[in-house]
C-alpha atoms as a PDB file:
ATOM      1  CA  UNK A   1     -58.246 177.746  29.218  1.00  0.00           C
ATOM      2  CA  UNK A   2     -56.567 180.279  31.503  1.00  0.00           C
ATOM      3  CA  UNK A   3     -52.769 180.318  31.429  1.00  0.00           C
ATOM      4  CA  UNK A   4     -51.112 180.194  34.845  1.00  0.00           C
ATOM      5  CA  UNK A   5     -48.678 183.076  35.129  1.00  0.00           C
ATOM      6  CA  UNK A   6     -46.000 183.666  37.708  1.00  0.00           C
ATOM      7  CA  UNK A   7     -42.892 185.823  38.077  1.00  0.00           C
ATOM      8  CA  UNK A   8     -41.038 183.570  35.632  1.00  0.00           C
ATOM      9  CA  UNK A   9     -43.645 183.918  32.864  1.00  0.00           C
ATOM     10  CA  UNK A  10     -42.292 185.753  29.833  1.00  0.00           C
ATOM     11  CA  UNK A  11     -44.304 188.740  28.576  1.00  0.00           C
ATOM     12  CA  UNK A  12     -44.116 190.787  25.401  1.00  0.00           C
ATOM     13  CA  UNK A  13     -46.099 193.402  23.495  1.00  0.00           C
ATOM     14  CA  UNK A  14     -48.721 191.775  21.275  1.00  0.00           C
ATOM     15  CA  UNK A  15     -48.309 194.138  18.335  1.00  0.00           C
ATOM     16  CA  UNK A  16     -51.487 192.835  16.686  1.00  0.00           C
ATOM     17  CA  UNK A  17     -53.418 193.799  19.843  1.00  0.00           C
ATOM     18  CA  UNK A  18     -52.789 197.475  19.072  1.00  0.00           C
ATOM     19  CA  UNK A  19     -54.464 197.175  15.673  1.00  0.00           C
ATOM     20  CA  UNK A  20     -57.339 195.012  16.948  1.00  0.00           C
ATOM     21  CA  UNK A  21     -58.099 197.627  19.619  1.00  0.00           C
ATOM     22  CA  UNK A  22     -57.767 200.670  17.367  1.00  0.00           C
ATOM     23  CA  UNK A  23     -54.696 201.876  19.237  1.00  0.00           C
ATOM     24  CA  UNK A  24     -51.584 203.383  17.673  1.00  0.00           C
ATOM     25  CA  UNK A  25     -48.217 202.249  19.015  1.00  0.00           C
ATOM     26  CA  UNK A  26     -46.541 204.839  16.796  1.00  0.00           C
ATOM     27  CA  UNK A  27     -48.358 207.607  18.705  1.00  0.00           C
ATOM     28  CA  UNK A  28     -47.031 206.191  21.979  1.00  0.00           C
ATOM     29  CA  UNK A  29     -43.495 206.049  20.538  1.00  0.00           C
ATOM     30  CA  UNK A  30     -43.754 209.683  19.393  1.00  0.00           C
ATOM     31  CA  UNK A  31     -44.834 210.634  22.934  1.00  0.00           C
ATOM     32  CA  UNK A  32     -41.758 208.890  24.348  1.00  0.00           C
ATOM     33  CA  UNK A  33     -39.659 210.950  21.952  1.00  0.00           C
ATOM     34  CA  UNK A  34     -41.420 214.105  23.112  1.00  0.00           C
ATOM     35  CA  UNK A  35     -42.136 214.799  19.458  1.00  0.00           C
ATOM     36  CA  UNK A  36     -45.873 215.100  18.921  1.00  0.00           C
ATOM     37  CA  UNK A  37     -45.116 216.192  15.361  1.00  0.00           C
ATOM     38  CA  UNK A  38     -43.085 213.087  14.516  1.00  0.00           C
ATOM     39  CA  UNK A  39     -43.738 211.908  10.992  1.00  0.00           C
ATOM     40  CA  UNK A  40     -46.320 209.217  11.647  1.00  0.00           C
ATOM     41  CA  UNK A  41     -46.738 208.624   7.906  1.00  0.00           C
ATOM     42  CA  UNK A  42     -43.192 207.319   7.375  1.00  0.00           C
ATOM     43  CA  UNK A  43     -43.557 203.764   8.586  1.00  0.00           C
ATOM     44  CA  UNK A  44     -41.303 201.828   6.204  1.00  0.00           C
ATOM     45  CA  UNK A  45     -39.284 199.453   8.431  1.00  0.00           C
ATOM     46  CA  UNK A  46     -35.638 200.181   9.087  1.00  0.00           C
ATOM     47  CA  UNK A  47     -32.856 197.768   9.923  1.00  0.00           C
ATOM     48  CA  UNK A  48     -31.819 198.166  13.540  1.00  0.00           C
ATOM     49  CA  UNK A  49     -28.662 196.368  14.654  1.00  0.00           C
ATOM     50  CA  UNK A  50     -28.799 195.470  18.325  1.00  0.00           C
ATOM     51  CA  UNK A  51     -25.562 196.834  19.813  1.00  0.00           C
ATOM     52  CA  UNK A  52     -25.350 193.949  22.298  1.00  0.00           C
ATOM     53  CA  UNK A  53     -26.220 190.932  20.153  1.00  0.00           C
ATOM     54  CA  UNK A  54     -25.548 192.302  16.620  1.00  0.00           C
ATOM     55  CA  UNK A  55     -28.940 190.858  15.685  1.00  0.00           C
ATOM     56  CA  UNK A  56     -30.714 192.775  12.917  1.00  0.00           C
ATOM     57  CA  UNK A  57     -34.351 193.749  13.546  1.00  0.00           C
ATOM     58  CA  UNK A  58     -36.803 195.281  11.094  1.00  0.00           C
ATOM     59  CA  UNK A  59     -38.413 198.069  13.130  1.00  0.00           C
ATOM     60  CA  UNK A  60     -40.656 201.045  12.686  1.00  0.00           C
ATOM     61  CA  UNK A  61     -38.587 204.244  12.248  1.00  0.00           C
ATOM     62  CA  UNK A  62     -40.063 205.754  15.427  1.00  0.00           C
ATOM     63  CA  UNK A  63     -39.087 202.657  17.396  1.00  0.00           C
ATOM     64  CA  UNK A  64     -35.537 202.984  16.066  1.00  0.00           C
ATOM     65  CA  UNK A  65     -35.494 206.657  17.119  1.00  0.00           C
ATOM     66  CA  UNK A  66     -36.634 205.682  20.630  1.00  0.00           C
ATOM     67  CA  UNK A  67     -33.863 203.074  20.836  1.00  0.00           C
ATOM     68  CA  UNK A  68     -31.186 205.465  19.594  1.00  0.00           C
ATOM     69  CA  UNK A  69     -32.308 208.767  21.137  1.00  0.00           C
ATOM     70  CA  UNK A  70     -34.112 207.842  24.373  1.00  0.00           C
ATOM     71  CA  UNK A  71     -33.735 204.259  25.603  1.00  0.00           C
ATOM     72  CA  UNK A  72     -30.901 203.770  28.027  1.00  0.00           C
ATOM     73  CA  UNK A  73     -30.985 207.388  29.196  1.00  0.00           C
ATOM     74  CA  UNK A  74     -31.581 208.008  32.879  1.00  0.00           C
ATOM     75  CA  UNK A  75     -34.866 209.815  32.127  1.00  0.00           C
ATOM     76  CA  UNK A  76     -36.299 207.052  29.908  1.00  0.00           C
ATOM     77  CA  UNK A  77     -37.825 205.207  32.872  1.00  0.00           C
ATOM     78  CA  UNK A  78     -37.956 207.190  36.105  1.00  0.00           C
ATOM     79  CA  UNK A  79     -39.588 206.837  39.497  1.00  0.00           C
ATOM     80  CA  UNK A  80     -42.443 209.012  38.223  1.00  0.00           C
ATOM     81  CA  UNK A  81     -43.120 206.950  35.082  1.00  0.00           C
ATOM     82  CA  UNK A  82     -46.429 205.111  35.618  1.00  0.00           C
ATOM     83  CA  UNK A  83     -45.628 201.431  36.177  1.00  0.00           C
ATOM     84  CA  UNK A  84     -47.617 200.110  33.208  1.00  0.00           C
ATOM     85  CA  UNK A  85     -45.927 202.666  30.963  1.00  0.00           C
ATOM     86  CA  UNK A  86     -42.546 201.707  32.439  1.00  0.00           C
ATOM     87  CA  UNK A  87     -43.246 198.050  31.607  1.00  0.00           C
ATOM     88  CA  UNK A  88     -44.080 198.984  28.020  1.00  0.00           C
ATOM     89  CA  UNK A  89     -40.991 201.185  27.753  1.00  0.00           C
ATOM     90  CA  UNK A  90     -38.799 198.349  29.062  1.00  0.00           C
ATOM     91  CA  UNK A  91     -40.189 195.999  26.406  1.00  0.00           C
ATOM     92  CA  UNK A  92     -39.725 198.640  23.698  1.00  0.00           C
ATOM     93  CA  UNK A  93     -36.121 199.104  24.851  1.00  0.00           C
ATOM     94  CA  UNK A  94     -35.636 195.320  24.750  1.00  0.00           C
ATOM     95  CA  UNK A  95     -36.852 195.266  21.109  1.00  0.00           C
ATOM     96  CA  UNK A  96     -39.940 193.373  22.329  1.00  0.00           C
ATOM     97  CA  UNK A  97     -37.923 190.315  23.225  1.00  0.00           C
ATOM     98  CA  UNK A  98     -39.952 188.563  25.940  1.00  0.00           C
ATOM     99  CA  UNK A  99     -39.065 189.438  29.515  1.00  0.00           C
ATOM    100  CA  UNK A 100     -40.083 187.868  32.803  1.00  0.00           C
ATOM    101  CA  UNK A 101     -41.559 189.983  35.562  1.00  0.00           C
ATOM    102  CA  UNK A 102     -38.282 189.527  37.448  1.00  0.00           C
ATOM    103  CA  UNK A 103     -36.346 190.935  34.469  1.00  0.00           C
ATOM    104  CA  UNK A 104     -38.827 193.806  34.143  1.00  0.00           C
ATOM    105  CA  UNK A 105     -38.455 194.518  37.868  1.00  0.00           C
ATOM    106  CA  UNK A 106     -34.664 194.670  37.500  1.00  0.00           C
ATOM    107  CA  UNK A 107     -34.960 197.138  34.608  1.00  0.00           C
ATOM    108  CA  UNK A 108     -37.655 199.330  36.150  1.00  0.00           C
ATOM    109  CA  UNK A 109     -36.112 199.139  39.636  1.00  0.00           C
ATOM    110  CA  UNK A 110     -39.422 199.794  41.391  1.00  0.00           C
ATOM    111  CA  UNK A 111     -42.008 197.861  43.341  1.00  0.00           C
ATOM    112  CA  UNK A 112     -41.626 194.074  43.629  1.00  0.00           C
ATOM    113  CA  UNK A 113     -41.906 191.311  41.024  1.00  0.00           C
ATOM    114  CA  UNK A 114     -45.124 190.144  42.702  1.00  0.00           C
ATOM    115  CA  UNK A 115     -46.675 193.622  42.461  1.00  0.00           C
ATOM    116  CA  UNK A 116     -45.621 193.913  38.820  1.00  0.00           C
ATOM    117  CA  UNK A 117     -47.217 190.526  38.154  1.00  0.00           C
ATOM    118  CA  UNK A 118     -50.516 191.822  39.568  1.00  0.00           C
ATOM    119  CA  UNK A 119     -50.193 194.889  37.310  1.00  0.00           C
ATOM    120  CA  UNK A 120     -49.892 192.755  34.185  1.00  0.00           C
ATOM    121  CA  UNK A 121     -53.704 192.659  33.850  1.00  0.00           C
ATOM    122  CA  UNK A 122     -53.688 196.450  33.623  1.00  0.00           C
ATOM    123  CA  UNK A 123     -50.725 196.326  31.238  1.00  0.00           C
ATOM    124  CA  UNK A 124     -52.733 193.959  29.037  1.00  0.00           C
ATOM    125  CA  UNK A 125     -55.758 196.260  28.994  1.00  0.00           C
ATOM    126  CA  UNK A 126     -53.717 199.420  28.367  1.00  0.00           C
ATOM    127  CA  UNK A 127     -50.863 198.218  26.150  1.00  0.00           C
ATOM    128  CA  UNK A 128     -51.498 194.664  24.953  1.00  0.00           C
ATOM    129  CA  UNK A 129     -48.726 193.183  27.071  1.00  0.00           C
ATOM    130  CA  UNK A 130     -49.410 189.460  27.279  1.00  0.00           C
ATOM    131  CA  UNK A 131     -47.673 186.222  28.169  1.00  0.00           C
ATOM    132  CA  UNK A 132     -45.786 184.931  25.136  1.00  0.00           C
ATOM    133  CA  UNK A 133     -47.996 181.866  24.734  1.00  0.00           C
ATOM    134  CA  UNK A 134     -51.181 184.001  24.608  1.00  0.00           C
ATOM    135  CA  UNK A 135     -50.228 185.993  21.527  1.00  0.00           C
ATOM    136  CA  UNK A 136     -52.436 185.268  18.568  1.00  0.00           C
ATOM    137  CA  UNK A 137     -50.752 183.869  15.475  1.00  0.00           C
ATOM    138  CA  UNK A 138     -50.119 186.422  12.756  1.00  0.00           C
END
């Protein structure tokens, strides 16, 4: 059964998708950091305290570095960042809390929500970004 999606559908990164497809999210995070030599072996989760909600998240150390060192900076998502990459970066910055296409549009500040919705198929194929209800159970 195909899920009907619209601009109000919430999307997130299906972290299991990365493993099922032989992809490495940690490599992508190290690229965001601009540190190709980041220690990819050190993957013991760290506590990250969301500065807005005070919620504690167990995150990969590279993800924490992205949140602390890069996310929120003016060059984290720019007009030259490919849109599918910008969507992934927005979800990384949001600690993978689900976001609607409208919310993603507000963060990325490019294109239109309708265009971003059409791009979600590409985002799924490239980065495992799926509607919340489509994620496979762990």
